[in-house]
């Protein structure tokens, strides 16, 4: 049975950083998709950069494929373009139903404590499912966005903070919450942790 206690950790999201060149696993189509989505919305480089809080020159470098943003910047770009983060990496399939294990789209920062895998077939449906992998003792950045989430711990032990309350979850435990509240996960103990989350509407 999970335990609940007040969290002593901060839920503030780290400030944006343009990040190192290799911040995100390389995707040669990333810049092209960002540029396409930007132009479809009638946004200039300057306009999108201002919304995201980065320089025009850095955004231009991202679109040309010579620079790669951090995960936090990617989330800000996706929010400004009003699409889920995975939409920047994946061209939606018309009628896809099956996602093979070796075909999942992955967002992973080299050396970072967390990675995300998209297990739902596309991002134009009502639910998005992702697998979150955490290194021992490490946590994900706090997030808050529209919708609801249900997370199931596949392996390991996890401290899930929602708002200002922390819930300790064991393998097989699950949690359902309003994702408009700041939330993050931390792997407890000396083992990594895996979580599968269903998110509606698709947001990540």
N, C-alpha and C. Protein backbone atom coordinates (compact mmCIF):
# COMPACT_ATOMS: atom_id res chain seq x y z
N UNK A 1 0.86 -1.20 0.00
CA UNK A 1 0.00 0.00 0.00
C UNK A 1 0.89 1.24 0.00
N UNK A 2 0.53 2.21 -0.81
CA UNK A 2 1.38 3.40 -0.91
C UNK A 2 1.21 4.29 0.31
N UNK A 3 2.25 5.05 0.60
CA UNK A 3 2.19 6.00 1.70
C UNK A 3 2.20 7.40 1.15
N UNK A 4 1.64 8.32 1.93
CA UNK A 4 1.53 9.71 1.50
C UNK A 4 2.16 10.60 2.54
N UNK A 5 2.95 11.58 2.08
CA UNK A 5 3.49 12.56 3.01
C UNK A 5 3.70 13.87 2.27
N UNK A 6 3.82 14.94 3.04
CA UNK A 6 4.07 16.23 2.44
C UNK A 6 5.47 16.25 1.87
N UNK A 7 5.59 16.73 0.64
CA UNK A 7 6.90 16.79 0.00
C UNK A 7 7.67 18.00 0.49
N UNK A 8 8.96 17.81 0.75
CA UNK A 8 9.81 18.91 1.15
C UNK A 8 10.58 19.48 -0.03
N UNK A 9 10.43 18.83 -1.18
CA UNK A 9 11.18 19.29 -2.34
C UNK A 9 10.41 20.35 -3.08
N UNK A 10 11.13 21.17 -3.85
CA UNK A 10 10.50 22.23 -4.63
C UNK A 10 9.88 21.67 -5.88
N UNK A 11 8.73 22.22 -6.31
CA UNK A 11 8.09 21.79 -7.53
C UNK A 11 8.35 22.74 -8.67
N UNK A 12 9.24 23.68 -8.46
CA UNK A 12 9.50 24.66 -9.51
C UNK A 12 10.22 24.00 -10.67
N UNK A 13 9.88 24.42 -11.90
CA UNK A 13 10.50 23.90 -13.09
C UNK A 13 11.79 24.64 -13.35
N UNK A 14 12.89 23.94 -13.66
CA UNK A 14 14.15 24.60 -13.91
C UNK A 14 14.03 25.58 -15.05
N UNK A 15 14.84 26.63 -15.01
CA UNK A 15 14.81 27.63 -16.05
C UNK A 15 15.22 27.06 -17.38
N UNK A 16 14.81 27.71 -18.44
CA UNK A 16 15.12 27.24 -19.77
C UNK A 16 16.61 27.37 -20.05
N UNK A 17 17.10 26.44 -20.83
CA UNK A 17 18.49 26.49 -21.26
C UNK A 17 18.55 26.04 -22.70
N UNK A 18 19.35 26.72 -23.51
CA UNK A 18 19.48 26.31 -24.90
C UNK A 18 20.21 24.97 -24.98
N UNK A 19 20.96 24.62 -23.94
CA UNK A 19 21.49 23.28 -23.82
C UNK A 19 22.64 22.99 -24.77
N UNK A 20 23.34 21.88 -24.55
CA UNK A 20 24.45 21.50 -25.40
C UNK A 20 23.95 21.03 -26.76
N UNK A 21 24.84 21.00 -27.72
CA UNK A 21 24.47 20.63 -29.08
C UNK A 21 23.85 19.24 -29.13
N UNK A 22 24.34 18.32 -28.30
CA UNK A 22 23.85 16.94 -28.33
C UNK A 22 22.83 16.69 -27.24
N UNK A 23 22.05 17.71 -26.84
CA UNK A 23 21.14 17.57 -25.71
C UNK A 23 20.08 16.52 -25.95
N UNK A 24 19.58 16.38 -27.19
CA UNK A 24 18.52 15.44 -27.49
C UNK A 24 19.02 14.44 -28.52
N UNK A 25 18.60 13.19 -28.33
CA UNK A 25 18.96 12.16 -29.29
C UNK A 25 18.70 12.67 -30.70
N UNK A 26 19.67 12.54 -31.58
CA UNK A 26 19.61 13.16 -32.89
C UNK A 26 18.42 12.67 -33.71
N UNK A 27 17.75 13.57 -34.36
CA UNK A 27 16.68 13.28 -35.29
C UNK A 27 16.83 14.28 -36.42
N UNK A 28 17.22 13.80 -37.60
CA UNK A 28 17.50 14.69 -38.72
C UNK A 28 16.25 15.43 -39.19
N UNK A 29 15.07 14.92 -38.80
CA UNK A 29 13.84 15.56 -39.24
C UNK A 29 13.31 16.58 -38.24
N UNK A 30 13.92 16.66 -37.06
CA UNK A 30 13.41 17.55 -36.01
C UNK A 30 13.28 18.99 -36.49
N UNK A 31 14.37 19.53 -37.04
CA UNK A 31 14.34 20.92 -37.48
C UNK A 31 13.32 21.17 -38.57
N UNK A 32 13.23 20.22 -39.50
CA UNK A 32 12.26 20.38 -40.59
C UNK A 32 10.83 20.39 -40.06
N UNK A 33 10.53 19.53 -39.09
CA UNK A 33 9.17 19.49 -38.56
C UNK A 33 8.84 20.77 -37.79
N UNK A 34 9.81 21.27 -37.04
CA UNK A 34 9.58 22.53 -36.32
C UNK A 34 9.31 23.65 -37.32
N UNK A 35 10.12 23.73 -38.36
CA UNK A 35 9.94 24.78 -39.37
C UNK A 35 8.57 24.66 -40.06
N UNK A 36 8.18 23.42 -40.40
CA UNK A 36 6.88 23.21 -41.05
C UNK A 36 5.73 23.65 -40.15
N UNK A 37 5.77 23.22 -38.89
CA UNK A 37 4.71 23.60 -37.95
C UNK A 37 4.69 25.11 -37.72
N UNK A 38 5.86 25.71 -37.66
CA UNK A 38 5.94 27.17 -37.45
C UNK A 38 5.33 27.92 -38.62
N UNK A 39 5.69 27.54 -39.84
CA UNK A 39 5.17 28.26 -41.01
C UNK A 39 3.68 28.00 -41.20
N UNK A 40 3.22 26.80 -40.87
CA UNK A 40 1.78 26.51 -40.95
C UNK A 40 0.97 27.43 -40.04
N UNK A 41 1.59 27.87 -38.96
CA UNK A 41 0.91 28.74 -38.00
C UNK A 41 1.20 30.22 -38.24
N UNK A 42 1.90 30.50 -39.32
CA UNK A 42 2.17 31.89 -39.67
C UNK A 42 3.13 32.60 -38.74
N UNK A 43 3.99 31.83 -38.07
CA UNK A 43 4.94 32.41 -37.13
C UNK A 43 6.30 32.62 -37.80
N UNK A 44 6.92 33.74 -37.51
CA UNK A 44 8.28 33.99 -37.97
C UNK A 44 9.26 33.35 -36.99
N UNK A 45 10.52 33.25 -37.40
CA UNK A 45 11.55 32.77 -36.47
C UNK A 45 11.59 33.63 -35.22
N UNK A 46 11.53 34.95 -35.44
CA UNK A 46 11.58 35.88 -34.30
C UNK A 46 10.38 35.68 -33.39
N UNK A 47 9.20 35.50 -33.99
CA UNK A 47 7.98 35.34 -33.20
C UNK A 47 7.99 34.08 -32.36
N UNK A 48 8.39 32.95 -32.95
CA UNK A 48 8.43 31.71 -32.19
C UNK A 48 9.51 31.75 -31.12
N UNK A 49 10.67 32.29 -31.47
CA UNK A 49 11.77 32.39 -30.50
C UNK A 49 11.34 33.21 -29.29
N UNK A 50 10.59 34.29 -29.53
CA UNK A 50 10.13 35.14 -28.43
C UNK A 50 9.17 34.38 -27.53
N UNK A 51 8.28 33.58 -28.12
CA UNK A 51 7.33 32.81 -27.32
C UNK A 51 8.04 31.76 -26.46
N UNK A 52 9.10 31.19 -27.01
CA UNK A 52 9.81 30.12 -26.32
C UNK A 52 10.80 30.66 -25.28
N UNK A 53 11.34 31.86 -25.56
CA UNK A 53 12.32 32.44 -24.65
C UNK A 53 13.74 32.08 -25.01
N UNK A 54 14.00 31.87 -26.31
CA UNK A 54 15.34 31.59 -26.81
C UNK A 54 15.67 32.61 -27.89
N UNK A 55 16.91 32.62 -28.35
CA UNK A 55 17.31 33.58 -29.37
C UNK A 55 16.86 33.11 -30.75
N UNK A 56 16.67 34.08 -31.64
CA UNK A 56 16.31 33.76 -33.02
C UNK A 56 17.39 32.92 -33.68
N UNK A 57 18.65 33.25 -33.41
CA UNK A 57 19.75 32.53 -34.04
C UNK A 57 19.80 31.07 -33.59
N UNK A 58 19.49 30.82 -32.30
CA UNK A 58 19.50 29.43 -31.83
C UNK A 58 18.36 28.65 -32.48
N UNK A 59 17.17 29.24 -32.56
CA UNK A 59 16.04 28.57 -33.20
C UNK A 59 16.36 28.27 -34.66
N UNK A 60 16.98 29.22 -35.34
CA UNK A 60 17.37 29.01 -36.73
C UNK A 60 18.34 27.83 -36.85
N UNK A 61 19.27 27.73 -35.91
CA UNK A 61 20.23 26.62 -35.92
C UNK A 61 19.53 25.28 -35.70
N UNK A 62 18.51 25.28 -34.83
CA UNK A 62 17.74 24.06 -34.59
C UNK A 62 17.02 23.64 -35.87
N UNK A 63 16.38 24.60 -36.54
CA UNK A 63 15.63 24.28 -37.75
C UNK A 63 16.55 23.80 -38.87
N UNK A 64 17.79 24.26 -38.87
CA UNK A 64 18.74 23.84 -39.90
C UNK A 64 19.48 22.55 -39.54
N UNK A 65 19.21 22.03 -38.34
CA UNK A 65 19.79 20.77 -37.93
C UNK A 65 21.22 20.84 -37.46
N UNK A 66 21.67 22.03 -37.08
CA UNK A 66 23.05 22.17 -36.61
C UNK A 66 23.12 22.38 -35.11
N UNK A 67 21.98 22.51 -34.45
CA UNK A 67 21.92 22.61 -32.99
C UNK A 67 20.72 21.82 -32.51
N UNK A 68 20.82 21.30 -31.28
CA UNK A 68 19.76 20.47 -30.72
C UNK A 68 19.39 20.98 -29.34
N UNK A 69 18.11 21.28 -29.13
CA UNK A 69 17.67 21.90 -27.87
C UNK A 69 17.55 20.90 -26.73
N UNK A 70 17.55 21.43 -25.52
CA UNK A 70 17.30 20.61 -24.33
C UNK A 70 15.84 20.19 -24.31
N UNK A 71 15.53 19.22 -23.45
CA UNK A 71 14.14 18.76 -23.34
C UNK A 71 13.23 19.88 -22.89
N UNK A 72 13.68 20.72 -21.97
CA UNK A 72 12.85 21.82 -21.49
C UNK A 72 12.53 22.79 -22.62
N UNK A 73 13.52 23.08 -23.48
CA UNK A 73 13.27 23.97 -24.62
C UNK A 73 12.33 23.30 -25.61
N UNK A 74 12.51 21.99 -25.84
CA UNK A 74 11.60 21.28 -26.73
C UNK A 74 10.16 21.36 -26.24
N UNK A 75 9.97 21.20 -24.94
CA UNK A 75 8.61 21.31 -24.40
C UNK A 75 8.05 22.71 -24.62
N UNK A 76 8.88 23.72 -24.49
CA UNK A 76 8.43 25.10 -24.71
C UNK A 76 8.10 25.34 -26.18
N UNK A 77 8.91 24.78 -27.08
CA UNK A 77 8.63 24.91 -28.51
C UNK A 77 7.30 24.23 -28.84
N UNK A 78 7.11 23.02 -28.33
CA UNK A 78 5.88 22.29 -28.58
C UNK A 78 4.67 23.05 -28.05
N UNK A 79 4.79 23.61 -26.85
CA UNK A 79 3.68 24.38 -26.26
C UNK A 79 3.36 25.60 -27.12
N UNK A 80 4.39 26.28 -27.61
CA UNK A 80 4.18 27.46 -28.45
C UNK A 80 3.52 27.10 -29.77
N UNK A 81 3.81 25.90 -30.28
CA UNK A 81 3.21 25.43 -31.53
C UNK A 81 1.91 24.68 -31.30
N UNK A 82 1.55 24.49 -30.02
CA UNK A 82 0.30 23.83 -29.62
C UNK A 82 0.23 22.39 -30.12
N UNK A 83 1.34 21.66 -29.93
CA UNK A 83 1.39 20.23 -30.27
C UNK A 83 2.11 19.49 -29.16
N UNK A 84 1.89 18.17 -29.02
CA UNK A 84 2.68 17.38 -28.07
C UNK A 84 4.14 17.33 -28.50
N UNK A 85 5.04 17.12 -27.55
CA UNK A 85 6.47 17.08 -27.86
C UNK A 85 6.79 16.02 -28.91
N UNK A 86 6.19 14.84 -28.78
CA UNK A 86 6.51 13.77 -29.72
C UNK A 86 6.12 14.11 -31.15
N UNK A 87 5.20 15.07 -31.34
CA UNK A 87 4.83 15.49 -32.69
C UNK A 87 6.01 16.12 -33.41
N UNK A 88 6.98 16.64 -32.66
CA UNK A 88 8.16 17.23 -33.28
C UNK A 88 9.09 16.15 -33.83
N UNK A 89 8.91 14.91 -33.38
CA UNK A 89 9.78 13.83 -33.80
C UNK A 89 9.09 12.83 -34.73
N UNK A 90 7.78 12.74 -34.64
CA UNK A 90 7.06 11.67 -35.31
C UNK A 90 6.00 12.22 -36.25
N UNK A 91 6.05 11.80 -37.50
CA UNK A 91 4.98 12.14 -38.44
C UNK A 91 3.84 11.16 -38.19
N UNK A 92 2.64 11.64 -37.80
CA UNK A 92 1.54 10.75 -37.46
C UNK A 92 1.15 9.83 -38.61
N UNK A 93 0.87 8.57 -38.31
CA UNK A 93 0.41 7.63 -39.32
C UNK A 93 -1.10 7.71 -39.41
N UNK A 94 -1.61 7.47 -40.61
CA UNK A 94 -3.04 7.65 -40.85
C UNK A 94 -3.89 6.69 -40.01
N UNK A 95 -3.57 5.39 -40.06
CA UNK A 95 -4.41 4.41 -39.37
C UNK A 95 -3.58 3.40 -38.59
N UNK A 96 -2.47 3.84 -38.03
CA UNK A 96 -1.62 2.92 -37.29
C UNK A 96 -2.31 2.38 -36.05
N UNK A 97 -2.18 1.08 -35.80
CA UNK A 97 -2.75 0.47 -34.61
C UNK A 97 -1.69 -0.20 -33.75
N UNK A 98 -0.64 -0.72 -34.38
CA UNK A 98 0.38 -1.48 -33.67
C UNK A 98 1.70 -0.73 -33.68
N UNK A 99 2.36 -0.69 -32.52
CA UNK A 99 3.71 -0.13 -32.41
C UNK A 99 4.63 -1.25 -31.96
N UNK A 100 5.59 -1.62 -32.80
CA UNK A 100 6.54 -2.67 -32.44
C UNK A 100 7.56 -2.15 -31.44
N UNK A 101 8.02 -3.05 -30.58
CA UNK A 101 8.94 -2.67 -29.50
C UNK A 101 10.16 -1.92 -30.02
N UNK A 102 10.72 -2.36 -31.15
CA UNK A 102 11.93 -1.73 -31.67
C UNK A 102 11.65 -0.53 -32.56
N UNK A 103 10.37 -0.13 -32.64
CA UNK A 103 10.00 1.02 -33.48
C UNK A 103 9.50 2.21 -32.67
N UNK A 104 9.57 2.11 -31.35
CA UNK A 104 9.10 3.22 -30.52
C UNK A 104 9.97 4.46 -30.70
N UNK A 105 9.33 5.61 -30.63
CA UNK A 105 10.07 6.86 -30.68
C UNK A 105 10.54 7.19 -29.27
N UNK A 106 11.82 7.55 -29.13
CA UNK A 106 12.42 7.79 -27.82
C UNK A 106 12.98 9.20 -27.74
N UNK A 107 12.72 9.86 -26.62
CA UNK A 107 13.38 11.12 -26.31
C UNK A 107 14.32 10.83 -25.15
N UNK A 108 15.61 11.02 -25.42
CA UNK A 108 16.61 10.71 -24.39
C UNK A 108 17.73 11.73 -24.47
N UNK A 109 18.06 12.35 -23.35
CA UNK A 109 19.19 13.25 -23.28
C UNK A 109 20.41 12.47 -22.79
N UNK A 110 21.52 12.49 -23.54
CA UNK A 110 22.71 11.75 -23.12
C UNK A 110 23.12 12.10 -21.69
N UNK A 111 23.23 11.08 -20.84
CA UNK A 111 23.64 11.30 -19.46
C UNK A 111 22.54 11.79 -18.55
N UNK A 112 21.35 12.05 -19.10
CA UNK A 112 20.25 12.56 -18.28
C UNK A 112 19.62 11.43 -17.47
N UNK A 113 18.91 11.75 -16.39
CA UNK A 113 18.37 10.71 -15.51
C UNK A 113 17.07 10.08 -16.00
N UNK A 114 16.52 10.57 -17.10
CA UNK A 114 15.20 10.11 -17.52
C UNK A 114 15.12 10.01 -19.03
N UNK A 115 14.34 9.03 -19.52
CA UNK A 115 14.04 8.94 -20.94
C UNK A 115 12.55 8.66 -21.10
N UNK A 116 12.03 8.98 -22.28
CA UNK A 116 10.60 8.83 -22.55
C UNK A 116 10.42 8.06 -23.86
N UNK A 117 9.52 7.07 -23.86
CA UNK A 117 9.22 6.30 -25.07
C UNK A 117 7.74 6.40 -25.37
N UNK A 118 7.41 6.70 -26.61
CA UNK A 118 6.02 6.76 -27.03
C UNK A 118 5.56 5.36 -27.41
N UNK A 119 4.53 4.85 -26.72
CA UNK A 119 4.04 3.51 -27.02
C UNK A 119 2.68 3.51 -27.70
N UNK A 120 2.00 4.64 -27.74
CA UNK A 120 0.77 4.74 -28.52
C UNK A 120 1.15 5.00 -29.98
N UNK A 121 0.28 4.61 -30.93
CA UNK A 121 0.67 4.66 -32.35
C UNK A 121 0.84 6.04 -32.95
N UNK A 122 0.09 7.00 -32.47
CA UNK A 122 0.23 8.35 -33.00
C UNK A 122 -0.31 9.34 -31.99
N UNK A 123 -0.32 10.62 -32.38
CA UNK A 123 -0.69 11.67 -31.43
C UNK A 123 -1.98 12.38 -31.80
N UNK A 124 -2.77 11.78 -32.67
CA UNK A 124 -4.02 12.40 -33.09
C UNK A 124 -5.24 11.71 -32.47
N UNK A 125 -5.01 10.96 -31.42
CA UNK A 125 -6.11 10.28 -30.74
C UNK A 125 -6.37 10.93 -29.40
N UNK A 126 -7.22 10.33 -28.61
CA UNK A 126 -7.62 10.96 -27.36
C UNK A 126 -6.69 10.64 -26.20
N UNK A 127 -5.88 9.60 -26.34
CA UNK A 127 -4.99 9.17 -25.26
C UNK A 127 -3.57 9.00 -25.81
N UNK A 128 -2.61 9.43 -25.02
CA UNK A 128 -1.19 9.22 -25.34
C UNK A 128 -0.61 8.33 -24.24
N UNK A 129 0.19 7.34 -24.63
CA UNK A 129 0.83 6.49 -23.64
C UNK A 129 2.34 6.54 -23.82
N UNK A 130 3.04 6.72 -22.70
CA UNK A 130 4.49 6.78 -22.72
C UNK A 130 5.07 5.90 -21.62
N UNK A 131 6.29 5.43 -21.85
CA UNK A 131 7.05 4.75 -20.80
C UNK A 131 8.14 5.70 -20.34
N UNK A 132 8.21 5.92 -19.04
CA UNK A 132 9.23 6.79 -18.44
C UNK A 132 10.23 5.89 -17.73
N UNK A 133 11.51 6.06 -18.04
CA UNK A 133 12.57 5.29 -17.38
C UNK A 133 13.44 6.24 -16.58
N UNK A 134 13.62 5.92 -15.29
CA UNK A 134 14.38 6.76 -14.38
C UNK A 134 15.59 6.00 -13.84
N UNK A 135 16.73 6.68 -13.78
CA UNK A 135 17.92 6.09 -13.18
C UNK A 135 17.78 6.11 -11.65
N UNK A 136 18.49 5.22 -10.95
CA UNK A 136 18.36 5.15 -9.48
C UNK A 136 18.59 6.49 -8.80
N UNK A 137 17.67 6.84 -7.91
CA UNK A 137 17.80 8.05 -7.12
C UNK A 137 17.56 9.35 -7.86
N UNK A 138 17.22 9.28 -9.14
CA UNK A 138 17.06 10.49 -9.95
C UNK A 138 15.59 10.78 -10.20
N UNK A 139 15.30 12.03 -10.56
CA UNK A 139 13.91 12.39 -10.82
C UNK A 139 13.76 13.14 -12.12
N UNK A 140 12.51 13.23 -12.57
CA UNK A 140 12.17 13.99 -13.77
C UNK A 140 11.90 15.43 -13.37
N UNK A 141 11.92 16.32 -14.35
CA UNK A 141 11.59 17.71 -14.07
C UNK A 141 10.09 17.83 -13.78
N UNK A 142 9.73 18.76 -12.91
CA UNK A 142 8.31 18.99 -12.61
C UNK A 142 7.61 19.54 -13.85
N UNK A 143 6.41 19.03 -14.12
CA UNK A 143 5.63 19.46 -15.28
C UNK A 143 4.21 19.76 -14.84
N UNK A 144 3.54 20.60 -15.59
CA UNK A 144 2.12 20.87 -15.38
C UNK A 144 1.52 21.20 -16.74
N UNK A 145 0.41 20.56 -17.07
CA UNK A 145 -0.22 20.78 -18.37
C UNK A 145 -1.68 20.36 -18.29
N UNK A 146 -2.44 20.72 -19.29
CA UNK A 146 -3.86 20.40 -19.33
C UNK A 146 -4.06 18.89 -19.35
N UNK A 147 -5.10 18.42 -18.67
CA UNK A 147 -5.49 17.03 -18.80
C UNK A 147 -5.43 16.21 -17.53
N UNK A 148 -5.47 14.89 -17.70
CA UNK A 148 -5.42 13.93 -16.61
C UNK A 148 -4.44 12.82 -16.98
N UNK A 149 -3.87 12.18 -15.96
CA UNK A 149 -2.91 11.10 -16.19
C UNK A 149 -3.17 9.94 -15.23
N UNK A 150 -2.87 8.75 -15.71
CA UNK A 150 -2.85 7.57 -14.85
C UNK A 150 -1.51 6.89 -15.08
N UNK A 151 -0.74 6.72 -14.02
CA UNK A 151 0.60 6.14 -14.12
C UNK A 151 0.67 4.83 -13.34
N UNK A 152 1.30 3.82 -13.94
CA UNK A 152 1.48 2.51 -13.33
C UNK A 152 2.98 2.22 -13.23
N UNK A 153 3.44 1.83 -12.05
CA UNK A 153 4.85 1.50 -11.86
C UNK A 153 5.09 0.08 -12.38
N UNK A 154 5.89 -0.03 -13.44
CA UNK A 154 6.20 -1.34 -14.02
C UNK A 154 7.30 -2.05 -13.25
N UNK A 155 8.27 -1.29 -12.76
CA UNK A 155 9.37 -1.88 -11.99
C UNK A 155 10.00 -0.82 -11.10
N UNK A 156 10.61 -1.28 -10.02
CA UNK A 156 11.25 -0.36 -9.09
C UNK A 156 10.27 0.27 -8.11
N UNK A 157 10.77 1.25 -7.37
CA UNK A 157 9.96 2.02 -6.43
C UNK A 157 10.06 3.49 -6.82
N UNK A 158 8.94 4.19 -6.71
CA UNK A 158 8.86 5.56 -7.23
C UNK A 158 8.22 6.48 -6.20
N UNK A 159 8.78 7.67 -6.07
CA UNK A 159 8.13 8.75 -5.31
C UNK A 159 7.52 9.68 -6.34
N UNK A 160 6.20 9.74 -6.37
CA UNK A 160 5.49 10.61 -7.30
C UNK A 160 4.97 11.82 -6.55
N UNK A 161 5.44 12.99 -6.93
CA UNK A 161 4.99 14.23 -6.30
C UNK A 161 3.93 14.88 -7.17
N UNK A 162 2.76 15.13 -6.59
CA UNK A 162 1.66 15.80 -7.29
C UNK A 162 1.25 16.98 -6.43
N UNK A 163 1.39 18.19 -6.96
CA UNK A 163 1.17 19.37 -6.14
C UNK A 163 2.24 19.42 -5.06
N UNK A 164 1.82 19.49 -3.80
CA UNK A 164 2.80 19.51 -2.70
C UNK A 164 2.77 18.23 -1.88
N UNK A 165 2.22 17.16 -2.47
CA UNK A 165 2.13 15.87 -1.77
C UNK A 165 2.95 14.83 -2.52
N UNK A 166 3.71 14.03 -1.78
CA UNK A 166 4.51 12.97 -2.37
C UNK A 166 3.92 11.61 -2.03
N UNK A 167 3.75 10.76 -3.04
CA UNK A 167 3.20 9.42 -2.87
C UNK A 167 4.30 8.40 -3.19
N UNK A 168 4.52 7.46 -2.28
CA UNK A 168 5.50 6.41 -2.52
C UNK A 168 4.80 5.19 -3.12
N UNK A 169 5.24 4.79 -4.29
CA UNK A 169 4.59 3.72 -5.04
C UNK A 169 5.56 2.56 -5.26
N UNK A 170 5.06 1.35 -5.09
CA UNK A 170 5.84 0.15 -5.36
C UNK A 170 5.45 -0.43 -6.71
N UNK A 171 6.22 -1.41 -7.16
CA UNK A 171 5.91 -2.08 -8.42
C UNK A 171 4.46 -2.59 -8.41
N UNK A 172 3.72 -2.25 -9.44
CA UNK A 172 2.32 -2.65 -9.54
C UNK A 172 1.34 -1.62 -9.03
N UNK A 173 1.82 -0.63 -8.26
CA UNK A 173 0.94 0.45 -7.79
C UNK A 173 0.67 1.43 -8.92
N UNK A 174 -0.45 2.13 -8.82
CA UNK A 174 -0.79 3.14 -9.83
C UNK A 174 -1.33 4.39 -9.15
N UNK A 175 -1.35 5.47 -9.90
CA UNK A 175 -1.83 6.75 -9.39
C UNK A 175 -2.53 7.50 -10.51
N UNK A 176 -3.64 8.15 -10.16
CA UNK A 176 -4.42 8.93 -11.13
C UNK A 176 -4.50 10.35 -10.61
N UNK A 177 -4.21 11.33 -11.47
CA UNK A 177 -4.17 12.71 -10.98
C UNK A 177 -4.46 13.72 -12.08
N UNK A 178 -4.80 14.92 -11.65
CA UNK A 178 -5.00 16.06 -12.53
C UNK A 178 -3.63 16.57 -12.94
N UNK A 179 -3.30 16.47 -14.23
CA UNK A 179 -1.95 16.86 -14.66
C UNK A 179 -1.78 18.37 -14.77
N UNK A 180 -2.84 19.12 -14.43
CA UNK A 180 -2.69 20.57 -14.30
C UNK A 180 -1.89 20.94 -13.06
N UNK A 181 -1.77 19.98 -12.13
CA UNK A 181 -0.93 20.19 -10.94
C UNK A 181 0.51 19.84 -11.29
N UNK A 182 1.49 20.59 -10.76
CA UNK A 182 2.89 20.22 -11.01
C UNK A 182 3.14 18.80 -10.52
N UNK A 183 3.79 18.00 -11.35
CA UNK A 183 4.04 16.61 -10.97
C UNK A 183 5.40 16.15 -11.49
N UNK A 184 6.00 15.24 -10.74
CA UNK A 184 7.28 14.66 -11.14
C UNK A 184 7.45 13.32 -10.46
N UNK A 185 8.39 12.52 -10.98
CA UNK A 185 8.64 11.19 -10.43
C UNK A 185 10.12 11.05 -10.08
N UNK A 186 10.39 10.26 -9.03
CA UNK A 186 11.77 9.99 -8.62
C UNK A 186 11.93 8.50 -8.31
N UNK A 187 12.99 7.91 -8.82
CA UNK A 187 13.27 6.50 -8.54
C UNK A 187 13.88 6.38 -7.14
N UNK A 188 13.28 5.54 -6.30
CA UNK A 188 13.75 5.35 -4.94
C UNK A 188 14.71 4.16 -4.86
N UNK A 189 15.64 4.22 -3.94
CA UNK A 189 16.55 3.10 -3.73
C UNK A 189 17.67 3.03 -4.76
N UNK A 190 18.22 1.83 -4.90
CA UNK A 190 19.39 1.62 -5.76
C UNK A 190 19.06 1.03 -7.12
N UNK A 191 17.77 0.91 -7.42
CA UNK A 191 17.36 0.31 -8.69
C UNK A 191 16.69 1.35 -9.58
N UNK A 192 16.81 1.19 -10.90
CA UNK A 192 16.08 2.08 -11.80
C UNK A 192 14.59 1.81 -11.71
N UNK A 193 13.79 2.69 -12.25
CA UNK A 193 12.34 2.52 -12.22
C UNK A 193 11.76 2.75 -13.60
N UNK A 194 10.66 2.06 -13.88
CA UNK A 194 9.93 2.24 -15.13
C UNK A 194 8.47 2.51 -14.81
N UNK A 195 7.91 3.48 -15.50
CA UNK A 195 6.52 3.87 -15.31
C UNK A 195 5.86 3.94 -16.67
N UNK A 196 4.64 3.44 -16.79
CA UNK A 196 3.87 3.66 -18.01
C UNK A 196 2.74 4.61 -17.65
N UNK A 197 2.58 5.66 -18.45
CA UNK A 197 1.57 6.69 -18.17
C UNK A 197 0.63 6.86 -19.35
N UNK A 198 -0.66 6.95 -19.04
CA UNK A 198 -1.68 7.28 -20.03
C UNK A 198 -2.07 8.73 -19.80
N UNK A 199 -2.01 9.54 -20.85
CA UNK A 199 -2.25 10.97 -20.73
C UNK A 199 -3.37 11.37 -21.68
N UNK A 200 -4.34 12.12 -21.18
CA UNK A 200 -5.39 12.64 -22.03
C UNK A 200 -5.70 14.08 -21.67
N UNK A 201 -5.77 14.99 -22.66
CA UNK A 201 -5.45 14.75 -24.07
C UNK A 201 -3.94 14.61 -24.25
N UNK A 202 -3.48 14.07 -25.40
CA UNK A 202 -2.04 13.97 -25.65
C UNK A 202 -1.36 15.30 -25.44
N UNK A 203 -0.26 15.28 -24.69
CA UNK A 203 0.40 16.54 -24.35
C UNK A 203 1.91 16.45 -24.41
N UNK A 204 2.46 15.31 -24.03
CA UNK A 204 3.92 15.22 -23.92
C UNK A 204 4.57 15.20 -25.30
